[in-house]
Amino acid sequence: MIQVKVALDNGDILGLVAKDYFENHRDREIHSPKITEEEARKEVNPNLKIHENHLAIIEDDLGEEVLAYVFLGTLGNDSYKIFINAESGDEERVEKLKQAEIRY
């Protein structure tokens, strides 16, 4: 990920963060998911209102890269990111987000 901070009044670039990009950007062989997005969605709490989803390469608990479906949604007043392994269908992790991170 690269983050760019831009002034809202004149569009000047105020800041740039690219450390993660430089540390993690490399050629890699990415296989197609073994499960579909619909199959992964079934592993998510049905009460979660999903606002968006995408595929991403994440680091699992063992420090290994895995392809995962990422579901961003809300449950009550809380926002969550749910990561479902695109190969096994297992839940990799759940992250509770700050409310301001989802604006729908």
N, C-alpha and C. Protein backbone atom coordinates (compact mmCIF):
# COMPACT_ATOMS: atom_id res chain seq x y z
N MET A 1 0.84 -1.17 0.00
CA MET A 1 0.00 0.00 0.00
C MET A 1 0.89 1.24 0.00
N ILE A 2 0.44 2.21 -0.75
CA ILE A 2 1.09 3.52 -0.76
C ILE A 2 0.04 4.53 -0.30
N GLN A 3 0.41 5.36 0.66
CA GLN A 3 -0.50 6.39 1.15
C GLN A 3 0.05 7.75 0.75
N VAL A 4 -0.82 8.59 0.21
CA VAL A 4 -0.45 9.94 -0.19
C VAL A 4 -1.37 10.91 0.55
N LYS A 5 -0.79 11.88 1.22
CA LYS A 5 -1.57 12.91 1.91
C LYS A 5 -1.60 14.14 1.01
N VAL A 6 -2.83 14.56 0.66
CA VAL A 6 -3.01 15.67 -0.28
C VAL A 6 -3.79 16.79 0.40
N ALA A 7 -3.34 18.01 0.21
CA ALA A 7 -4.04 19.17 0.76
C ALA A 7 -5.36 19.34 0.03
N LEU A 8 -6.44 19.52 0.79
CA LEU A 8 -7.76 19.66 0.19
C LEU A 8 -7.96 21.04 -0.45
N ASP A 9 -7.23 22.03 -0.01
CA ASP A 9 -7.44 23.37 -0.55
C ASP A 9 -6.77 23.60 -1.89
N ASN A 10 -5.54 23.07 -2.07
CA ASN A 10 -4.83 23.35 -3.33
C ASN A 10 -4.26 22.11 -4.02
N GLY A 11 -4.43 20.93 -3.43
CA GLY A 11 -3.98 19.70 -4.07
C GLY A 11 -2.51 19.40 -3.92
N ASP A 12 -1.80 20.19 -3.13
CA ASP A 12 -0.37 19.93 -2.91
C ASP A 12 -0.19 18.60 -2.19
N ILE A 13 0.88 17.90 -2.51
CA ILE A 13 1.25 16.66 -1.83
C ILE A 13 1.93 17.04 -0.52
N LEU A 14 1.36 16.58 0.60
CA LEU A 14 1.88 16.92 1.92
C LEU A 14 2.68 15.79 2.55
N GLY A 15 2.43 14.55 2.09
CA GLY A 15 3.13 13.43 2.69
C GLY A 15 3.00 12.19 1.83
N LEU A 16 3.92 11.25 2.03
CA LEU A 16 3.93 10.00 1.29
C LEU A 16 4.47 8.90 2.20
N VAL A 17 3.74 7.79 2.26
CA VAL A 17 4.20 6.62 3.02
C VAL A 17 4.19 5.44 2.05
N ALA A 18 5.37 4.87 1.80
CA ALA A 18 5.48 3.77 0.85
C ALA A 18 6.35 2.64 1.39
N LYS A 19 6.64 2.66 2.68
CA LYS A 19 7.52 1.65 3.28
C LYS A 19 6.99 0.23 3.05
N ASP A 20 5.69 0.01 3.31
CA ASP A 20 5.13 -1.33 3.14
C ASP A 20 5.24 -1.80 1.69
N TYR A 21 5.01 -0.89 0.76
CA TYR A 21 5.12 -1.23 -0.66
C TYR A 21 6.53 -1.69 -0.99
N PHE A 22 7.52 -0.93 -0.58
CA PHE A 22 8.90 -1.27 -0.89
C PHE A 22 9.34 -2.56 -0.21
N GLU A 23 8.87 -2.80 1.00
CA GLU A 23 9.25 -4.01 1.72
C GLU A 23 8.59 -5.27 1.16
N ASN A 24 7.37 -5.13 0.59
CA ASN A 24 6.60 -6.31 0.20
C ASN A 24 6.39 -6.47 -1.29
N HIS A 25 6.73 -5.46 -2.08
CA HIS A 25 6.51 -5.55 -3.52
C HIS A 25 7.60 -6.40 -4.16
N ARG A 26 7.16 -7.50 -4.74
CA ARG A 26 8.09 -8.40 -5.43
C ARG A 26 7.28 -9.28 -6.36
N ASP A 27 7.96 -9.92 -7.30
CA ASP A 27 7.27 -10.86 -8.17
C ASP A 27 6.87 -12.08 -7.36
N ARG A 28 5.64 -12.53 -7.55
CA ARG A 28 5.16 -13.72 -6.86
C ARG A 28 4.16 -14.41 -7.77
N GLU A 29 4.06 -15.69 -7.60
CA GLU A 29 3.10 -16.48 -8.37
C GLU A 29 1.80 -16.54 -7.56
N ILE A 30 0.76 -15.97 -8.11
CA ILE A 30 -0.53 -15.95 -7.43
C ILE A 30 -1.46 -16.93 -8.13
N HIS A 31 -1.89 -17.94 -7.39
CA HIS A 31 -2.78 -18.95 -7.94
C HIS A 31 -4.22 -18.47 -7.86
N SER A 32 -5.05 -19.03 -8.70
CA SER A 32 -6.47 -18.72 -8.65
C SER A 32 -7.07 -19.27 -7.36
N PRO A 33 -8.09 -18.60 -6.83
CA PRO A 33 -8.74 -19.10 -5.62
C PRO A 33 -9.35 -20.48 -5.86
N LYS A 34 -9.28 -21.34 -4.85
CA LYS A 34 -9.89 -22.67 -4.95
C LYS A 34 -11.37 -22.64 -4.59
N ILE A 35 -11.79 -21.60 -3.86
CA ILE A 35 -13.20 -21.46 -3.54
C ILE A 35 -13.69 -20.16 -4.17
N THR A 36 -14.97 -20.07 -4.41
CA THR A 36 -15.54 -18.87 -5.01
C THR A 36 -15.81 -17.82 -3.94
N GLU A 37 -16.06 -16.61 -4.39
CA GLU A 37 -16.42 -15.54 -3.47
C GLU A 37 -17.70 -15.90 -2.73
N GLU A 38 -18.64 -16.53 -3.42
CA GLU A 38 -19.90 -16.93 -2.79
C GLU A 38 -19.68 -17.97 -1.68
N GLU A 39 -18.77 -18.92 -1.93
CA GLU A 39 -18.46 -19.93 -0.90
C GLU A 39 -17.79 -19.28 0.31
N ALA A 40 -16.89 -18.32 0.06
CA ALA A 40 -16.23 -17.62 1.16
C ALA A 40 -17.23 -16.79 1.95
N ARG A 41 -18.16 -16.17 1.25
CA ARG A 41 -19.17 -15.33 1.90
C ARG A 41 -20.01 -16.14 2.88
N LYS A 42 -20.22 -17.42 2.60
CA LYS A 42 -21.00 -18.29 3.50
C LYS A 42 -20.30 -18.51 4.84
N GLU A 43 -18.99 -18.29 4.89
CA GLU A 43 -18.23 -18.46 6.13
C GLU A 43 -18.29 -17.23 7.03
N VAL A 44 -18.82 -16.14 6.49
CA VAL A 44 -18.93 -14.89 7.24
C VAL A 44 -20.25 -14.89 8.02
N ASN A 45 -20.23 -14.31 9.20
CA ASN A 45 -21.44 -14.19 10.02
C ASN A 45 -22.56 -13.62 9.16
N PRO A 46 -23.70 -14.32 9.07
CA PRO A 46 -24.79 -13.84 8.21
C PRO A 46 -25.40 -12.52 8.68
N ASN A 47 -25.13 -12.11 9.90
CA ASN A 47 -25.65 -10.83 10.41
C ASN A 47 -24.77 -9.64 10.01
N LEU A 48 -23.59 -9.93 9.46
CA LEU A 48 -22.70 -8.85 9.01
C LEU A 48 -23.24 -8.29 7.70
N LYS A 49 -23.45 -6.98 7.66
CA LYS A 49 -23.88 -6.32 6.42
C LYS A 49 -22.61 -6.00 5.63
N ILE A 50 -22.37 -6.75 4.56
CA ILE A 50 -21.15 -6.60 3.77
C ILE A 50 -21.31 -5.43 2.82
N HIS A 51 -20.34 -4.50 2.87
CA HIS A 51 -20.36 -3.33 2.00
C HIS A 51 -19.44 -3.50 0.81
N GLU A 52 -18.37 -4.26 0.97
CA GLU A 52 -17.46 -4.51 -0.15
C GLU A 52 -16.62 -5.74 0.14
N ASN A 53 -16.07 -6.30 -0.92
CA ASN A 53 -15.16 -7.43 -0.77
C ASN A 53 -14.15 -7.42 -1.91
N HIS A 54 -13.00 -8.04 -1.66
CA HIS A 54 -11.96 -8.15 -2.67
C HIS A 54 -10.99 -9.26 -2.27
N LEU A 55 -10.12 -9.63 -3.19
CA LEU A 55 -9.06 -10.58 -2.89
C LEU A 55 -7.80 -9.83 -2.49
N ALA A 56 -7.04 -10.41 -1.58
CA ALA A 56 -5.79 -9.80 -1.14
C ALA A 56 -4.82 -10.89 -0.70
N ILE A 57 -3.55 -10.59 -0.78
CA ILE A 57 -2.54 -11.46 -0.21
C ILE A 57 -2.25 -10.93 1.18
N ILE A 58 -2.44 -11.78 2.18
CA ILE A 58 -2.22 -11.38 3.57
C ILE A 58 -1.21 -12.32 4.20
N GLU A 59 -0.73 -11.93 5.36
CA GLU A 59 0.17 -12.79 6.13
C GLU A 59 -0.65 -13.49 7.21
N ASP A 60 -0.52 -14.83 7.27
CA ASP A 60 -1.26 -15.57 8.28
C ASP A 60 -0.51 -15.58 9.61
N ASP A 61 -1.03 -16.32 10.58
CA ASP A 61 -0.43 -16.36 11.92
C ASP A 61 0.97 -16.97 11.93
N LEU A 62 1.30 -17.73 10.89
CA LEU A 62 2.63 -18.35 10.81
C LEU A 62 3.61 -17.50 10.01
N GLY A 63 3.15 -16.33 9.55
CA GLY A 63 4.02 -15.45 8.77
C GLY A 63 4.09 -15.82 7.31
N GLU A 64 3.21 -16.70 6.85
CA GLU A 64 3.20 -17.11 5.45
C GLU A 64 2.14 -16.32 4.69
N GLU A 65 2.41 -16.06 3.42
CA GLU A 65 1.45 -15.34 2.60
C GLU A 65 0.34 -16.28 2.14
N VAL A 66 -0.89 -15.81 2.22
CA VAL A 66 -2.04 -16.58 1.74
C VAL A 66 -2.96 -15.64 0.98
N LEU A 67 -3.63 -16.19 -0.01
CA LEU A 67 -4.63 -15.45 -0.75
C LEU A 67 -5.93 -15.52 0.04
N ALA A 68 -6.57 -14.38 0.25
CA ALA A 68 -7.77 -14.37 1.07
C ALA A 68 -8.81 -13.43 0.47
N TYR A 69 -10.07 -13.80 0.70
CA TYR A 69 -11.17 -12.88 0.42
C TYR A 69 -11.29 -11.97 1.63
N VAL A 70 -11.41 -10.68 1.38
CA VAL A 70 -11.56 -9.71 2.45
C VAL A 70 -12.97 -9.13 2.35
N PHE A 71 -13.73 -9.26 3.42
CA PHE A 71 -15.09 -8.73 3.48
C PHE A 71 -15.11 -7.58 4.47
N LEU A 72 -15.56 -6.42 4.02
CA LEU A 72 -15.65 -5.24 4.86
C LEU A 72 -17.13 -4.97 5.11
N GLY A 73 -17.51 -4.93 6.39
CA GLY A 73 -18.92 -4.74 6.68
C GLY A 73 -19.18 -4.24 8.08
N THR A 74 -20.46 -4.13 8.39
CA THR A 74 -20.87 -3.64 9.70
C THR A 74 -21.81 -4.64 10.37
N LEU A 75 -21.74 -4.66 11.68
CA LEU A 75 -22.63 -5.46 12.52
C LEU A 75 -23.03 -4.55 13.67
N GLY A 76 -24.29 -4.13 13.67
CA GLY A 76 -24.71 -3.14 14.65
C GLY A 76 -23.99 -1.83 14.39
N ASN A 77 -23.35 -1.29 15.41
CA ASN A 77 -22.60 -0.03 15.27
C ASN A 77 -21.11 -0.25 15.04
N ASP A 78 -20.69 -1.50 14.86
CA ASP A 78 -19.26 -1.81 14.72
C ASP A 78 -18.93 -2.20 13.29
N SER A 79 -17.71 -1.88 12.87
CA SER A 79 -17.21 -2.19 11.53
C SER A 79 -16.15 -3.27 11.64
N TYR A 80 -16.14 -4.18 10.66
CA TYR A 80 -15.21 -5.32 10.70
C TYR A 80 -14.63 -5.59 9.32
N LYS A 81 -13.42 -6.18 9.33
CA LYS A 81 -12.81 -6.78 8.15
C LYS A 81 -12.67 -8.27 8.48
N ILE A 82 -13.24 -9.10 7.63
CA ILE A 82 -13.17 -10.55 7.81
C ILE A 82 -12.32 -11.11 6.68
N PHE A 83 -11.33 -11.92 7.03
CA PHE A 83 -10.42 -12.51 6.05
C PHE A 83 -10.69 -14.01 5.96
N ILE A 84 -11.10 -14.48 4.78
CA ILE A 84 -11.38 -15.89 4.54
C ILE A 84 -10.35 -16.43 3.55
N ASN A 85 -9.64 -17.49 3.94
CA ASN A 85 -8.64 -18.11 3.10
C ASN A 85 -9.28 -18.57 1.79
N ALA A 86 -8.73 -18.13 0.65
CA ALA A 86 -9.31 -18.43 -0.66
C ALA A 86 -8.98 -19.84 -1.13
N GLU A 87 -8.15 -20.55 -0.38
CA GLU A 87 -7.83 -21.93 -0.73
C GLU A 87 -8.64 -22.91 0.12
N SER A 88 -8.66 -22.67 1.41
CA SER A 88 -9.29 -23.63 2.33
C SER A 88 -10.70 -23.22 2.78
N GLY A 89 -11.01 -21.94 2.68
CA GLY A 89 -12.30 -21.45 3.19
C GLY A 89 -12.28 -21.17 4.69
N ASP A 90 -11.14 -21.33 5.33
CA ASP A 90 -11.03 -21.08 6.76
C ASP A 90 -10.95 -19.58 7.04
N GLU A 91 -11.47 -19.18 8.18
CA GLU A 91 -11.36 -17.79 8.60
C GLU A 91 -9.93 -17.56 9.07
N GLU A 92 -9.24 -16.62 8.45
CA GLU A 92 -7.86 -16.31 8.83
C GLU A 92 -7.82 -15.36 10.01
N ARG A 93 -8.66 -14.31 9.97
CA ARG A 93 -8.72 -13.37 11.10
C ARG A 93 -9.90 -12.43 10.92
N VAL A 94 -10.21 -11.77 12.03
CA VAL A 94 -11.26 -10.75 12.06
C VAL A 94 -10.64 -9.51 12.68
N GLU A 95 -10.84 -8.36 12.04
CA GLU A 95 -10.34 -7.09 12.58
C GLU A 95 -11.52 -6.17 12.83
N LYS A 96 -11.62 -5.68 14.04
CA LYS A 96 -12.63 -4.67 14.36
C LYS A 96 -12.03 -3.32 14.01
N LEU A 97 -12.77 -2.53 13.22
CA LEU A 97 -12.26 -1.25 12.73
C LEU A 97 -12.87 -0.09 13.50
N LYS A 98 -12.25 1.05 13.37
CA LYS A 98 -12.83 2.28 13.90
C LYS A 98 -14.07 2.58 13.07
N GLN A 99 -15.11 3.04 13.71
CA GLN A 99 -16.39 3.30 13.03
C GLN A 99 -16.21 4.19 11.80
N ALA A 100 -15.31 5.16 11.89
CA ALA A 100 -15.15 6.11 10.80
C ALA A 100 -14.58 5.49 9.54
N GLU A 101 -14.10 4.25 9.61
CA GLU A 101 -13.46 3.65 8.45
C GLU A 101 -14.45 3.19 7.39
N ILE A 102 -15.73 3.04 7.74
CA ILE A 102 -16.75 2.67 6.76
C ILE A 102 -17.74 3.82 6.70
N ARG A 103 -17.95 4.35 5.52
CA ARG A 103 -18.88 5.48 5.36
C ARG A 103 -19.93 5.11 4.33
N TYR A 104 -21.04 4.55 4.77
CA TYR A 104 -22.13 4.17 3.85
C TYR A 104 -23.44 4.70 4.35
